[in-house]
């Protein structure tokens, strides 16, 4: 195994706008993950299909707006 030494560190400037986290946002996050847990139980019990799971989860993302929703498939 060869070890290479890094001699120059290049950084990129990323302009990130920080938004305060409100009680409402935190509650939405909690509610989303609680609904996701319930949906998974329903899927595993055979009460809903995979397609129904995906459809309901997409609607829940719109309703609850969890953090990182833009990154979710």
Protein backbone atom coordinates (compact mmCIF):
# COMPACT_ATOMS: atom_id res chain seq x y z
CA UNK A 1 0.00 0.00 0.00
CA UNK A 2 1.32 3.42 -0.92
CA UNK A 3 0.61 6.45 1.20
CA UNK A 4 0.54 9.78 -0.59
CA UNK A 5 1.07 13.05 1.17
CA UNK A 6 -1.40 15.80 0.50
CA UNK A 7 0.53 19.01 0.10
CA UNK A 8 -2.17 21.44 -0.95
CA UNK A 9 -5.66 21.68 0.43
CA UNK A 10 -8.19 23.31 -1.81
CA UNK A 11 -11.45 24.47 -0.36
CA UNK A 12 -14.58 25.56 -2.08
CA UNK A 13 -16.73 28.26 -0.66
CA UNK A 14 -20.31 27.17 -0.23
CA UNK A 15 -22.82 29.86 0.54
CA UNK A 16 -25.24 28.27 2.96
CA UNK A 17 -28.11 30.26 4.32
CA UNK A 18 -28.90 29.20 7.85
CA UNK A 19 -32.52 29.08 8.81
CA UNK A 20 -33.60 28.95 12.43
CA UNK A 21 -35.27 25.76 13.55
CA UNK A 22 -38.69 26.53 14.92
CA UNK A 23 -40.88 24.44 17.20
CA UNK A 24 -43.20 23.93 14.24
CA UNK A 25 -40.35 22.53 12.09
CA UNK A 26 -39.23 20.19 14.86
CA UNK A 27 -42.80 18.99 15.37
CA UNK A 28 -43.14 18.39 11.61
CA UNK A 29 -39.93 16.37 11.64
CA UNK A 30 -41.13 14.27 14.55
CA UNK A 31 -44.55 13.73 12.99
CA UNK A 32 -43.01 12.66 9.67
CA UNK A 33 -40.76 10.03 11.22
CA UNK A 34 -43.58 8.80 13.43
CA UNK A 35 -45.80 8.38 10.35
CA UNK A 36 -42.95 6.63 8.51
CA UNK A 37 -42.58 4.15 11.35
CA UNK A 38 -46.29 3.40 11.23
CA UNK A 39 -46.24 3.05 7.45
CA UNK A 40 -43.38 0.53 7.65
CA UNK A 41 -45.31 -1.52 10.20
CA UNK A 42 -48.34 -1.49 7.90
CA UNK A 43 -46.19 -2.56 4.94
CA UNK A 44 -44.52 -5.37 6.90
CA UNK A 45 -47.93 -6.59 8.12
CA UNK A 46 -49.21 -6.72 4.54
CA UNK A 47 -51.85 -4.07 5.13
CA UNK A 48 -50.54 -1.87 2.29
CA UNK A 49 -48.55 -2.53 -0.87
CA UNK A 50 -45.12 -1.11 -1.68
CA UNK A 51 -46.74 1.24 -4.20
CA UNK A 52 -49.18 2.51 -1.58
CA UNK A 53 -46.31 2.95 0.86
CA UNK A 54 -44.40 5.10 -1.63
CA UNK A 55 -47.47 7.18 -2.51
CA UNK A 56 -48.38 7.84 1.13
CA UNK A 57 -44.77 8.62 2.05
CA UNK A 58 -44.53 11.22 -0.75
CA UNK A 59 -47.67 12.92 0.52
CA UNK A 60 -46.36 12.86 4.08
CA UNK A 61 -43.16 14.56 2.93
CA UNK A 62 -45.23 17.37 1.47
CA UNK A 63 -47.36 17.66 4.59
CA UNK A 64 -44.64 17.46 7.23
CA UNK A 65 -41.68 18.93 5.28
CA UNK A 66 -38.90 16.98 7.01
CA UNK A 67 -35.29 18.23 6.91
CA UNK A 68 -33.53 17.16 3.73
CA UNK A 69 -36.78 16.45 1.88
CA UNK A 70 -35.10 17.80 -1.28
CA UNK A 71 -32.58 14.95 -1.12
CA UNK A 72 -35.12 12.16 -0.69
CA UNK A 73 -36.04 10.07 -3.74
